[in-house]
Amino acid sequence: MVRELRDICGRIAELIDLFAEADIVLEATLRETLSREALALDPVMEDANDGPD
């Protein structure tokens, strides 16, 4: 029983570390967003009805 509890605790500790790493990656990604041009996407075309009246 003790061995199983240690295994569970170890797995939980590993998950906590992975979540911390994922947070770092997410923060970096949000800081450095890519433009449509960098992603090789067509520019957004403005609708003629969206212009000033």
C-alpha atoms as a PDB file:
ATOM      1  CA  MET A   1       0.000   0.000   0.000  1.00  0.00           C
ATOM      2  CA  VAL A   2       2.822   2.410   0.860  1.00  0.00           C
ATOM      3  CA  ARG A   3       4.538   1.709  -2.465  1.00  0.00           C
ATOM      4  CA  GLU A   4       1.370   2.618  -4.368  1.00  0.00           C
ATOM      5  CA  LEU A   5       0.986   5.873  -2.428  1.00  0.00           C
ATOM      6  CA  ARG A   6       4.594   6.809  -3.176  1.00  0.00           C
ATOM      7  CA  ASP A   7       4.016   6.071  -6.843  1.00  0.00           C
ATOM      8  CA  ILE A   8       0.908   8.276  -6.879  1.00  0.00           C
ATOM      9  CA  CYS A   9       2.754  11.095  -5.088  1.00  0.00           C
ATOM     10  CA  GLY A  10       5.625  10.834  -7.552  1.00  0.00           C
ATOM     11  CA  ARG A  11       3.278  11.029 -10.503  1.00  0.00           C
ATOM     12  CA  ILE A  12       1.511  14.047  -9.022  1.00  0.00           C
ATOM     13  CA  ALA A  13       4.880  15.762  -8.511  1.00  0.00           C
ATOM     14  CA  GLU A  14       5.785  15.081 -12.154  1.00  0.00           C
ATOM     15  CA  LEU A  15       2.469  16.565 -13.294  1.00  0.00           C
ATOM     16  CA  ILE A  16       3.051  19.686 -11.206  1.00  0.00           C
ATOM     17  CA  ASP A  17       6.450  20.140 -12.897  1.00  0.00           C
ATOM     18  CA  LEU A  18       4.935  19.625 -16.346  1.00  0.00           C
ATOM     19  CA  PHE A  19       2.180  22.162 -15.648  1.00  0.00           C
ATOM     20  CA  ALA A  20       4.800  24.694 -14.523  1.00  0.00           C
ATOM     21  CA  GLU A  21       6.733  24.157 -17.768  1.00  0.00           C
ATOM     22  CA  ALA A  22       3.522  24.492 -19.780  1.00  0.00           C
ATOM     23  CA  ASP A  23       2.807  27.818 -18.062  1.00  0.00           C
ATOM     24  CA  ILE A  24       6.247  29.095 -19.097  1.00  0.00           C
ATOM     25  CA  VAL A  25       5.638  28.071 -22.718  1.00  0.00           C
ATOM     26  CA  LEU A  26       2.182  29.673 -22.708  1.00  0.00           C
ATOM     27  CA  GLU A  27       3.499  32.958 -21.296  1.00  0.00           C
ATOM     28  CA  ALA A  28       6.255  33.084 -23.928  1.00  0.00           C
ATOM     29  CA  THR A  29       3.758  32.317 -26.682  1.00  0.00           C
ATOM     30  CA  LEU A  30       1.390  35.054 -25.591  1.00  0.00           C
ATOM     31  CA  ARG A  31       4.254  37.586 -25.464  1.00  0.00           C
ATOM     32  CA  GLU A  32       5.419  36.773 -28.975  1.00  0.00           C
ATOM     33  CA  THR A  33       2.287  36.464 -31.046  1.00  0.00           C
ATOM     34  CA  LEU A  34       2.655  35.889 -34.758  1.00  0.00           C
ATOM     35  CA  SER A  35       1.174  38.113 -37.412  1.00  0.00           C
ATOM     36  CA  ARG A  36      -0.881  36.839 -40.338  1.00  0.00           C
ATOM     37  CA  GLU A  37       2.094  37.704 -42.569  1.00  0.00           C
ATOM     38  CA  ALA A  38       4.495  35.608 -40.453  1.00  0.00           C
ATOM     39  CA  LEU A  39       2.067  32.692 -40.727  1.00  0.00           C
ATOM     40  CA  ALA A  40       1.867  33.168 -44.522  1.00  0.00           C
ATOM     41  CA  LEU A  41      -1.859  33.926 -44.361  1.00  0.00           C
ATOM     42  CA  ASP A  42      -3.691  36.329 -46.620  1.00  0.00           C
ATOM     43  CA  PRO A  43      -4.245  39.779 -45.106  1.00  0.00           C
ATOM     44  CA  VAL A  44      -7.689  40.484 -43.729  1.00  0.00           C
ATOM     45  CA  MET A  45      -9.749  42.292 -46.325  1.00  0.00           C
ATOM     46  CA  GLU A  46     -11.779  45.181 -44.954  1.00  0.00           C
ATOM     47  CA  ASP A  47     -15.433  45.194 -45.890  1.00  0.00           C
ATOM     48  CA  ALA A  48     -16.469  48.215 -47.961  1.00  0.00           C
ATOM     49  CA  ASN A  49     -19.372  48.717 -45.531  1.00  0.00           C
ATOM     50  CA  ASP A  50     -16.934  49.109 -42.594  1.00  0.00           C
ATOM     51  CA  GLY A  51     -15.511  52.407 -43.859  1.00  0.00           C
ATOM     52  CA  PRO A  52     -16.311  55.839 -42.399  1.00  0.00           C
ATOM     53  CA  ASP A  53     -19.777  57.170 -43.150  1.00  0.00           C
END
